[in-house]
Amino acid sequence: KAVQLADGNQPAMIELLAGAYFEVGRFTEAVQTVRRALAIAERQNDKQFVETLKTRLAYYQSKL
């Protein structure tokens, strides 16, 4: 719901959704969702958050 309210343009909200997917064992969805957040953060040139998301993505991928 938070992602919808933010029009899908807030990478932090999308990253929270990815974390929720991860916590319930939906690893594929977590990876896909964090990739979406990463793409938005890159477009917004948020270098610090991009690095955070890359680390998170690597961790999530290690669980596939």
N, C-alpha and C. Protein backbone atom coordinates (compact mmCIF):
# COMPACT_ATOMS: atom_id res chain seq x y z
N LYS A 1 0.82 -1.19 0.00
CA LYS A 1 0.00 0.00 0.00
C LYS A 1 0.87 1.26 0.00
N ALA A 2 1.96 1.24 0.81
CA ALA A 2 2.85 2.41 0.87
C ALA A 2 3.48 2.68 -0.49
N VAL A 3 3.84 1.64 -1.21
CA VAL A 3 4.43 1.80 -2.54
C VAL A 3 3.41 2.45 -3.47
N GLN A 4 2.16 2.02 -3.40
CA GLN A 4 1.12 2.61 -4.24
C GLN A 4 0.91 4.08 -3.89
N LEU A 5 0.88 4.39 -2.60
CA LEU A 5 0.67 5.77 -2.18
C LEU A 5 1.80 6.68 -2.63
N ALA A 6 3.00 6.14 -2.75
CA ALA A 6 4.15 6.92 -3.19
C ALA A 6 4.31 6.89 -4.71
N ASP A 7 3.29 6.40 -5.41
CA ASP A 7 3.31 6.30 -6.88
C ASP A 7 4.46 5.45 -7.41
N GLY A 8 4.99 4.58 -6.59
CA GLY A 8 6.07 3.70 -7.03
C GLY A 8 7.37 4.40 -7.31
N ASN A 9 7.53 5.63 -6.83
CA ASN A 9 8.73 6.42 -7.13
C ASN A 9 9.64 6.61 -5.92
N GLN A 10 9.35 5.97 -4.83
CA GLN A 10 10.16 6.11 -3.63
C GLN A 10 10.94 4.82 -3.40
N PRO A 11 12.22 4.80 -3.75
CA PRO A 11 12.97 3.55 -3.62
C PRO A 11 13.01 3.02 -2.19
N ALA A 12 12.94 3.87 -1.21
CA ALA A 12 12.96 3.39 0.18
C ALA A 12 11.71 2.58 0.50
N MET A 13 10.57 3.00 -0.01
CA MET A 13 9.32 2.26 0.21
C MET A 13 9.37 0.91 -0.51
N ILE A 14 9.91 0.92 -1.71
CA ILE A 14 10.01 -0.31 -2.49
C ILE A 14 10.99 -1.27 -1.82
N GLU A 15 12.06 -0.73 -1.27
CA GLU A 15 13.04 -1.55 -0.56
C GLU A 15 12.40 -2.18 0.68
N LEU A 16 11.53 -1.47 1.35
CA LEU A 16 10.83 -2.04 2.51
C LEU A 16 9.95 -3.22 2.08
N LEU A 17 9.31 -3.08 0.94
CA LEU A 17 8.51 -4.18 0.41
C LEU A 17 9.39 -5.38 0.09
N ALA A 18 10.55 -5.13 -0.49
CA ALA A 18 11.50 -6.21 -0.78
C ALA A 18 11.89 -6.93 0.52
N GLY A 19 12.14 -6.16 1.55
CA GLY A 19 12.49 -6.75 2.84
C GLY A 19 11.37 -7.61 3.40
N ALA A 20 10.14 -7.17 3.22
CA ALA A 20 9.00 -7.96 3.69
C ALA A 20 8.92 -9.28 2.92
N TYR A 21 9.11 -9.21 1.61
CA TYR A 21 9.14 -10.44 0.82
C TYR A 21 10.23 -11.38 1.33
N PHE A 22 11.39 -10.83 1.57
CA PHE A 22 12.51 -11.65 2.03
C PHE A 22 12.19 -12.32 3.37
N GLU A 23 11.62 -11.56 4.28
CA GLU A 23 11.32 -12.08 5.62
C GLU A 23 10.35 -13.25 5.60
N VAL A 24 9.47 -13.29 4.62
CA VAL A 24 8.51 -14.40 4.55
C VAL A 24 8.96 -15.49 3.57
N GLY A 25 10.21 -15.41 3.13
CA GLY A 25 10.78 -16.46 2.30
C GLY A 25 10.46 -16.35 0.82
N ARG A 26 9.97 -15.21 0.39
CA ARG A 26 9.67 -15.00 -1.03
C ARG A 26 10.89 -14.34 -1.67
N PHE A 27 11.95 -15.14 -1.81
CA PHE A 27 13.26 -14.61 -2.21
C PHE A 27 13.27 -14.07 -3.64
N THR A 28 12.60 -14.74 -4.55
CA THR A 28 12.56 -14.27 -5.93
C THR A 28 11.90 -12.90 -6.01
N GLU A 29 10.78 -12.74 -5.33
CA GLU A 29 10.09 -11.44 -5.31
C GLU A 29 10.94 -10.38 -4.64
N ALA A 30 11.68 -10.77 -3.60
CA ALA A 30 12.56 -9.82 -2.91
C ALA A 30 13.63 -9.31 -3.86
N VAL A 31 14.23 -10.20 -4.62
CA VAL A 31 15.27 -9.81 -5.58
C VAL A 31 14.69 -8.89 -6.64
N GLN A 32 13.55 -9.26 -7.20
CA GLN A 32 12.93 -8.44 -8.25
C GLN A 32 12.57 -7.05 -7.72
N THR A 33 12.08 -7.01 -6.50
CA THR A 33 11.63 -5.74 -5.94
C THR A 33 12.80 -4.84 -5.59
N VAL A 34 13.86 -5.41 -5.03
CA VAL A 34 15.02 -4.58 -4.70
C VAL A 34 15.69 -4.08 -5.99
N ARG A 35 15.63 -4.86 -7.06
CA ARG A 35 16.14 -4.39 -8.35
C ARG A 35 15.34 -3.18 -8.83
N ARG A 36 14.05 -3.22 -8.62
CA ARG A 36 13.19 -2.07 -8.98
C ARG A 36 13.59 -0.83 -8.19
N ALA A 37 13.79 -1.00 -6.89
CA ALA A 37 14.22 0.12 -6.04
C ALA A 37 15.58 0.64 -6.49
N LEU A 38 16.48 -0.25 -6.84
CA LEU A 38 17.81 0.12 -7.29
C LEU A 38 17.74 0.95 -8.57
N ALA A 39 16.92 0.53 -9.51
CA ALA A 39 16.79 1.27 -10.77
C ALA A 39 16.29 2.70 -10.52
N ILE A 40 15.34 2.84 -9.63
CA ILE A 40 14.81 4.18 -9.32
C ILE A 40 15.87 5.02 -8.63
N ALA A 41 16.56 4.43 -7.67
CA ALA A 41 17.61 5.17 -6.94
C ALA A 41 18.71 5.61 -7.90
N GLU A 42 19.05 4.77 -8.87
CA GLU A 42 20.06 5.15 -9.86
C GLU A 42 19.57 6.33 -10.70
N ARG A 43 18.31 6.29 -11.13
CA ARG A 43 17.75 7.40 -11.91
C ARG A 43 17.73 8.69 -11.10
N GLN A 44 17.53 8.57 -9.80
CA GLN A 44 17.50 9.74 -8.92
C GLN A 44 18.89 10.16 -8.48
N ASN A 45 19.91 9.42 -8.92
CA ASN A 45 21.31 9.71 -8.61
C ASN A 45 21.58 9.74 -7.10
N ASP A 46 20.93 8.82 -6.39
CA ASP A 46 21.12 8.70 -4.94
C ASP A 46 22.23 7.67 -4.69
N LYS A 47 23.46 8.12 -4.82
CA LYS A 47 24.61 7.21 -4.81
C LYS A 47 24.73 6.40 -3.52
N GLN A 48 24.47 7.01 -2.40
CA GLN A 48 24.58 6.29 -1.13
C GLN A 48 23.54 5.16 -1.04
N PHE A 49 22.30 5.47 -1.42
CA PHE A 49 21.26 4.45 -1.36
C PHE A 49 21.49 3.38 -2.42
N VAL A 50 22.04 3.76 -3.56
CA VAL A 50 22.37 2.78 -4.60
C VAL A 50 23.33 1.73 -4.03
N GLU A 51 24.34 2.19 -3.31
CA GLU A 51 25.30 1.24 -2.73
C GLU A 51 24.64 0.33 -1.70
N THR A 52 23.76 0.90 -0.90
CA THR A 52 23.02 0.10 0.08
C THR A 52 22.18 -0.96 -0.62
N LEU A 53 21.50 -0.55 -1.67
CA LEU A 53 20.65 -1.49 -2.40
C LEU A 53 21.45 -2.57 -3.11
N LYS A 54 22.62 -2.22 -3.61
CA LYS A 54 23.47 -3.23 -4.25
C LYS A 54 23.89 -4.29 -3.24
N THR A 55 24.21 -3.87 -2.04
CA THR A 55 24.58 -4.81 -0.98
C THR A 55 23.40 -5.70 -0.63
N ARG A 56 22.24 -5.09 -0.50
CA ARG A 56 21.02 -5.84 -0.18
C ARG A 56 20.71 -6.83 -1.28
N LEU A 57 20.84 -6.40 -2.54
CA LEU A 57 20.58 -7.28 -3.67
C LEU A 57 21.50 -8.49 -3.65
N ALA A 58 22.76 -8.28 -3.40
CA ALA A 58 23.71 -9.39 -3.35
C ALA A 58 23.33 -10.39 -2.26
N TYR A 59 22.91 -9.87 -1.12
CA TYR A 59 22.50 -10.74 -0.02
C TYR A 59 21.26 -11.53 -0.38
N TYR A 60 20.28 -10.87 -0.95
CA TYR A 60 19.05 -11.56 -1.33
C TYR A 60 19.33 -12.62 -2.40
N GLN A 61 20.18 -12.29 -3.35
CA GLN A 61 20.51 -13.25 -4.41
C GLN A 61 21.22 -14.48 -3.85
N SER A 62 21.98 -14.29 -2.78
CA SER A 62 22.69 -15.43 -2.19
C SER A 62 21.74 -16.45 -1.58
N LYS A 63 20.49 -16.06 -1.38
CA LYS A 63 19.51 -16.95 -0.78
C LYS A 63 18.66 -17.68 -1.83
N LEU A 64 18.87 -17.36 -3.10
CA LEU A 64 18.11 -18.04 -4.16
C LEU A 64 18.61 -19.45 -4.36
